[in-house]
Every structure is written in structure tokens, then in C-alpha cells.
Amino acid sequence: MEVNVIITDADIGDTHTILVSSDKANVATVSVSGPTLTIKGVAVGTATLTVFAADDSNQDSADAVPVAFAVTVNETMYDAGENIEGLPDGFWVPQVISGASFQIVRGGKAIIEFRKSGYIKNSGSTYTCVSDGGCRIEDMRVTHGTIQATDDTIEN
């Protein structure tokens, strides 16, 4: 998602540096390119992003007011090679399972294999396979396909 920042400054011609931070980088990250913020959902949840415009001339920076806003990520896509941080590692059992198989192998490693639209539910989130060829998760790592994680506690 991209958001454009508009800066108002009484001093015409001043240049500005936009600074931005996320209080929960494990939920949403944000980067800046010119006046554009690029927000990326990392995991389901809510993060607060704070934007600050510093006057490059240092004349008006003391008057600048940071703007904070909440970003809610209610679904996230995880491709092969990515870790799903919302899943536990080691021994655990999903609360609900449909169209998927679940097993624990040596060392307590959880392996889940999904057919398309198969899902598991765990700790308020649903993890659904959206790939035609199925999906596989080994521990927290997606090893095949794409998994859509949806936060069941956030109303759409």
C-alpha cells in the first residue's frame, strides 16, 4: 500500500526529510521514497505508524508535529521460503484443521500439508492455502505454495 505525504510549510521553497517508524515492525513495515510511504503488512495485527517531516533548513523543525495513524493488517500472504511468525515452533496442535494434514516428526517439527482452500486455525488466525498445487509448512516456514493468514478477531 502506498500513501503520499503532503507537507505544509510557510517558508516556500524549503525542502524536507520525511522520517517514519512503526511501533510493531513484526506487523507492518514502512519505507519512504520522496513523498511516498510504502506500507507492507508482515503479519496480522495492528501497528502504529508515526510520520515526521524535518525541515532541512532546520528553521521550522521545532514546530513540526508528528502524525501517527494505525494500520490494521487482517490478512497477509506468505510465499515459499518465508516464515509465518504467528505460528508456534516445536510441538503444538492446530485448534481447527480442514483440507490439510498435520504431523509432528522427529525433533518436534510440525509439518502441515494443504490442498487448495485447505486451512488450519490457531490462536485467532486462519491459515489457508491459496495455491492450485497445494501448500506445505514445515515448522513456521512455508516450503511450497502460498498461504493466506487472516486474523479472525478483526472485523472486515
C-alpha atoms as a PDB file:
ATOM      1  CA  MET A   1       0.000   0.000   0.000  1.00  0.00           C
ATOM      2  CA  GLU A   2       1.301   3.455  -0.831  1.00  0.00           C
ATOM      3  CA  VAL A   3       0.420   6.741   0.872  1.00  0.00           C
ATOM      4  CA  ASN A   4       1.546  10.184  -0.261  1.00  0.00           C
ATOM      5  CA  VAL A   5       2.650  12.659   2.409  1.00  0.00           C
ATOM      6  CA  ILE A   6       1.666  16.301   1.978  1.00  0.00           C
ATOM      7  CA  ILE A   7       3.800  18.818   3.882  1.00  0.00           C
ATOM      8  CA  THR A   8       2.674  22.367   4.547  1.00  0.00           C
ATOM      9  CA  ASP A   9       5.363  24.922   5.303  1.00  0.00           C
ATOM     10  CA  ALA A  10       5.050  28.712   5.433  1.00  0.00           C
ATOM     11  CA  ASP A  11       8.582  29.007   4.029  1.00  0.00           C
ATOM     12  CA  ILE A  12       8.147  28.490   0.297  1.00  0.00           C
ATOM     13  CA  GLY A  13      10.945  26.502  -1.287  1.00  0.00           C
ATOM     14  CA  ASP A  14      12.082  24.661   1.857  1.00  0.00           C
ATOM     15  CA  THR A  15      12.976  21.031   1.419  1.00  0.00           C
ATOM     16  CA  HIS A  16      12.048  18.344   3.916  1.00  0.00           C
ATOM     17  CA  THR A  17      13.123  14.912   5.017  1.00  0.00           C
ATOM     18  CA  ILE A  18      10.322  12.503   5.885  1.00  0.00           C
ATOM     19  CA  LEU A  19      11.004  10.173   8.793  1.00  0.00           C
ATOM     20  CA  VAL A  20       8.663   7.311   9.583  1.00  0.00           C
ATOM     21  CA  SER A  21       8.585   4.454  12.075  1.00  0.00           C
ATOM     22  CA  SER A  22       6.400   1.507  13.019  1.00  0.00           C
ATOM     23  CA  ASP A  23       5.876   0.555  16.643  1.00  0.00           C
ATOM     24  CA  LYS A  24       5.435  -3.085  15.545  1.00  0.00           C
ATOM     25  CA  ALA A  25       7.739  -3.900  12.644  1.00  0.00           C
ATOM     26  CA  ASN A  26       6.682  -7.540  13.047  1.00  0.00           C
ATOM     27  CA  VAL A  27       3.151  -6.455  11.939  1.00  0.00           C
ATOM     28  CA  ALA A  28       3.785  -3.652   9.406  1.00  0.00           C
ATOM     29  CA  THR A  29       6.911  -2.095   7.942  1.00  0.00           C
ATOM     30  CA  VAL A  30       7.125   1.241   6.195  1.00  0.00           C
ATOM     31  CA  SER A  31       9.690   2.812   3.870  1.00  0.00           C
ATOM     32  CA  VAL A  32       9.996   6.278   2.336  1.00  0.00           C
ATOM     33  CA  SER A  33      10.788   7.309  -1.224  1.00  0.00           C
ATOM     34  CA  GLY A  34      10.342  11.031  -1.796  1.00  0.00           C
ATOM     35  CA  PRO A  35       6.863  11.954  -0.535  1.00  0.00           C
ATOM     36  CA  THR A  36       5.591   8.352  -0.770  1.00  0.00           C
ATOM     37  CA  LEU A  37       5.295   5.896   2.126  1.00  0.00           C
ATOM     38  CA  THR A  38       5.196   2.224   1.193  1.00  0.00           C
ATOM     39  CA  ILE A  39       3.483   0.146   3.872  1.00  0.00           C
ATOM     40  CA  LYS A  40       3.864  -3.637   3.877  1.00  0.00           C
ATOM     41  CA  GLY A  41       1.872  -5.978   6.063  1.00  0.00           C
ATOM     42  CA  VAL A  42       4.146  -8.547   7.674  1.00  0.00           C
ATOM     43  CA  ALA A  43       1.664 -10.354   9.924  1.00  0.00           C
ATOM     44  CA  VAL A  44      -1.904  -9.965  11.057  1.00  0.00           C
ATOM     45  CA  GLY A  45      -2.427  -7.343  13.760  1.00  0.00           C
ATOM     46  CA  THR A  46      -2.334  -3.581  14.300  1.00  0.00           C
ATOM     47  CA  ALA A  47       0.680  -1.281  14.236  1.00  0.00           C
ATOM     48  CA  THR A  48       1.001   2.457  14.771  1.00  0.00           C
ATOM     49  CA  LEU A  49       2.992   4.344  12.142  1.00  0.00           C
ATOM     50  CA  THR A  50       4.450   7.727  13.064  1.00  0.00           C
ATOM     51  CA  VAL A  51       5.426  10.218  10.353  1.00  0.00           C
ATOM     52  CA  PHE A  52       7.608  13.276  10.950  1.00  0.00           C
ATOM     53  CA  ALA A  53       8.740  15.872   8.402  1.00  0.00           C
ATOM     54  CA  ALA A  54      12.029  17.551   9.295  1.00  0.00           C
ATOM     55  CA  ASP A  55      12.751  20.926   7.701  1.00  0.00           C
ATOM     56  CA  ASP A  56      16.133  20.548   6.004  1.00  0.00           C
ATOM     57  CA  SER A  57      16.948  24.203   6.760  1.00  0.00           C
ATOM     58  CA  ASN A  58      16.375  23.472  10.491  1.00  0.00           C
ATOM     59  CA  GLN A  59      14.278  26.644  10.709  1.00  0.00           C
ATOM     60  CA  ASP A  60      10.888  25.132  11.448  1.00  0.00           C
ATOM     61  CA  SER A  61      11.641  21.628  12.709  1.00  0.00           C
ATOM     62  CA  ALA A  62      10.722  22.601  16.269  1.00  0.00           C
ATOM     63  CA  ASP A  63       7.199  23.457  15.060  1.00  0.00           C
ATOM     64  CA  ALA A  64       6.748  20.171  13.170  1.00  0.00           C
ATOM     65  CA  VAL A  65       4.099  17.879  14.587  1.00  0.00           C
ATOM     66  CA  PRO A  66       4.461  14.099  14.172  1.00  0.00           C
ATOM     67  CA  VAL A  67       1.377  12.385  12.766  1.00  0.00           C
ATOM     68  CA  ALA A  68       0.524   8.898  13.992  1.00  0.00           C
ATOM     69  CA  PHE A  69      -2.018   6.539  12.496  1.00  0.00           C
ATOM     70  CA  ALA A  70      -2.970   2.910  12.984  1.00  0.00           C
ATOM     71  CA  VAL A  71      -2.605   0.285  10.281  1.00  0.00           C
ATOM     72  CA  THR A  72      -4.553  -2.938  10.641  1.00  0.00           C
ATOM     73  CA  VAL A  73      -3.311  -5.959   8.746  1.00  0.00           C
ATOM     74  CA  ASN A  74      -6.101  -8.506   8.611  1.00  0.00           C
ATOM     75  CA  GLU A  75      -4.565 -10.777   6.005  1.00  0.00           C
ATOM     76  CA  THR A  76      -1.037 -11.497   4.935  1.00  0.00           C
ATOM     77  CA  MET A  77       0.349 -13.671   2.156  1.00  0.00           C
ATOM     78  CA  TYR A  78       3.334 -15.925   2.795  1.00  0.00           C
ATOM     79  CA  ASP A  79       5.190 -17.445  -0.155  1.00  0.00           C
ATOM     80  CA  ALA A  80       7.563 -20.411  -0.200  1.00  0.00           C
ATOM     81  CA  GLY A  81      10.729 -19.526   1.701  1.00  0.00           C
ATOM     82  CA  GLU A  82       9.024 -17.151   4.158  1.00  0.00           C
ATOM     83  CA  ASN A  83       8.406 -17.759   7.862  1.00  0.00           C
ATOM     84  CA  ILE A  84       4.941 -17.352   9.358  1.00  0.00           C
ATOM     85  CA  GLU A  85       5.702 -15.606  12.640  1.00  0.00           C
ATOM     86  CA  GLY A  86       2.189 -16.211  14.004  1.00  0.00           C
ATOM     87  CA  LEU A  87       2.697 -19.967  14.195  1.00  0.00           C
ATOM     88  CA  PRO A  88       4.491 -21.564  17.128  1.00  0.00           C
ATOM     89  CA  ASP A  89       7.607 -23.620  16.592  1.00  0.00           C
ATOM     90  CA  GLY A  90       8.176 -27.013  18.119  1.00  0.00           C
ATOM     91  CA  PHE A  91       5.342 -29.230  19.393  1.00  0.00           C
ATOM     92  CA  TRP A  92       1.827 -27.811  19.007  1.00  0.00           C
ATOM     93  CA  VAL A  93      -1.538 -28.835  17.528  1.00  0.00           C
ATOM     94  CA  PRO A  94      -3.868 -26.550  15.487  1.00  0.00           C
ATOM     95  CA  GLN A  95      -7.226 -25.732  17.080  1.00  0.00           C
ATOM     96  CA  VAL A  96      -9.113 -26.474  13.814  1.00  0.00           C
ATOM     97  CA  ILE A  97      -7.989 -28.274  10.648  1.00  0.00           C
ATOM     98  CA  SER A  98      -9.798 -28.759   7.310  1.00  0.00           C
ATOM     99  CA  GLY A  99      -8.427 -29.925   3.966  1.00  0.00           C
ATOM    100  CA  ALA A 100      -4.976 -30.290   5.477  1.00  0.00           C
ATOM    101  CA  SER A 101      -2.899 -32.908   7.240  1.00  0.00           C
ATOM    102  CA  PHE A 102      -0.842 -32.238  10.324  1.00  0.00           C
ATOM    103  CA  GLN A 103       2.017 -34.271  11.744  1.00  0.00           C
ATOM    104  CA  ILE A 104       4.843 -33.952  14.208  1.00  0.00           C
ATOM    105  CA  VAL A 105       8.121 -35.502  13.094  1.00  0.00           C
ATOM    106  CA  ARG A 106      11.401 -36.202  14.872  1.00  0.00           C
ATOM    107  CA  GLY A 107      12.612 -33.279  16.939  1.00  0.00           C
ATOM    108  CA  GLY A 108       9.087 -31.907  17.455  1.00  0.00           C
ATOM    109  CA  LYS A 109       8.925 -30.333  13.984  1.00  0.00           C
ATOM    110  CA  ALA A 110       5.355 -29.571  12.829  1.00  0.00           C
ATOM    111  CA  ILE A 111       4.548 -30.288   9.168  1.00  0.00           C
ATOM    112  CA  ILE A 112       1.260 -29.205   7.591  1.00  0.00           C
ATOM    113  CA  GLU A 113       0.276 -30.137   4.042  1.00  0.00           C
ATOM    114  CA  PHE A 114      -2.722 -28.388   2.474  1.00  0.00           C
ATOM    115  CA  ARG A 115      -4.752 -28.848  -0.660  1.00  0.00           C
ATOM    116  CA  LYS A 116      -6.041 -25.609  -2.248  1.00  0.00           C
ATOM    117  CA  SER A 117      -8.531 -23.935   0.149  1.00  0.00           C
ATOM    118  CA  GLY A 118      -7.428 -26.231   2.969  1.00  0.00           C
ATOM    119  CA  TYR A 119      -6.843 -24.392   6.242  1.00  0.00           C
ATOM    120  CA  ILE A 120      -5.893 -24.529   9.878  1.00  0.00           C
ATOM    121  CA  LYS A 121      -6.937 -22.209  12.700  1.00  0.00           C
ATOM    122  CA  ASN A 122      -4.665 -21.350  15.560  1.00  0.00           C
ATOM    123  CA  SER A 123      -4.666 -18.573  18.198  1.00  0.00           C
ATOM    124  CA  GLY A 124      -7.299 -16.405  16.463  1.00  0.00           C
ATOM    125  CA  SER A 125      -5.867 -16.699  12.944  1.00  0.00           C
ATOM    126  CA  THR A 126      -6.761 -18.812   9.919  1.00  0.00           C
ATOM    127  CA  TYR A 127      -4.021 -20.035   7.565  1.00  0.00           C
ATOM    128  CA  THR A 128      -5.399 -21.000   4.135  1.00  0.00           C
ATOM    129  CA  CYS A 129      -3.634 -22.474   1.094  1.00  0.00           C
ATOM    130  CA  VAL A 130      -4.335 -20.333  -1.989  1.00  0.00           C
ATOM    131  CA  SER A 131      -2.139 -22.248  -4.464  1.00  0.00           C
ATOM    132  CA  ASP A 132      -3.523 -24.662  -7.064  1.00  0.00           C
ATOM    133  CA  GLY A 133      -0.646 -27.095  -6.419  1.00  0.00           C
ATOM    134  CA  GLY A 134      -1.229 -27.176  -2.660  1.00  0.00           C
ATOM    135  CA  CYS A 135       0.940 -25.863   0.163  1.00  0.00           C
ATOM    136  CA  ARG A 136       3.329 -27.129   2.801  1.00  0.00           C
ATOM    137  CA  ILE A 137       4.569 -25.589   6.047  1.00  0.00           C
ATOM    138  CA  GLU A 138       7.492 -27.082   7.966  1.00  0.00           C
ATOM    139  CA  ASP A 139       7.624 -25.600  11.440  1.00  0.00           C
ATOM    140  CA  MET A 140       6.948 -21.923  10.710  1.00  0.00           C
ATOM    141  CA  ARG A 141       8.436 -21.920   7.176  1.00  0.00           C
ATOM    142  CA  VAL A 142       6.344 -22.161   4.003  1.00  0.00           C
ATOM    143  CA  THR A 143       8.154 -24.671   1.790  1.00  0.00           C
ATOM    144  CA  HIS A 144       5.613 -24.929  -1.036  1.00  0.00           C
ATOM    145  CA  GLY A 145       2.788 -22.693  -2.319  1.00  0.00           C
ATOM    146  CA  THR A 146       1.283 -19.531  -0.864  1.00  0.00           C
ATOM    147  CA  ILE A 147      -0.501 -19.290   2.481  1.00  0.00           C
ATOM    148  CA  GLN A 148      -3.006 -16.539   3.299  1.00  0.00           C
ATOM    149  CA  ALA A 149      -3.122 -15.656   7.004  1.00  0.00           C
ATOM    150  CA  THR A 150      -6.293 -13.933   8.220  1.00  0.00           C
ATOM    151  CA  ASP A 151      -6.873 -12.512  11.686  1.00  0.00           C
ATOM    152  CA  ASP A 152     -10.240 -13.859  12.834  1.00  0.00           C
ATOM    153  CA  THR A 153     -10.591 -11.240  15.584  1.00  0.00           C
ATOM    154  CA  ILE A 154     -10.590  -8.256  13.188  1.00  0.00           C
ATOM    155  CA  GLU A 155     -13.920  -7.467  11.551  1.00  0.00           C
ATOM    156  CA  ASN A 156     -13.772  -6.582   7.858  1.00  0.00           C
END
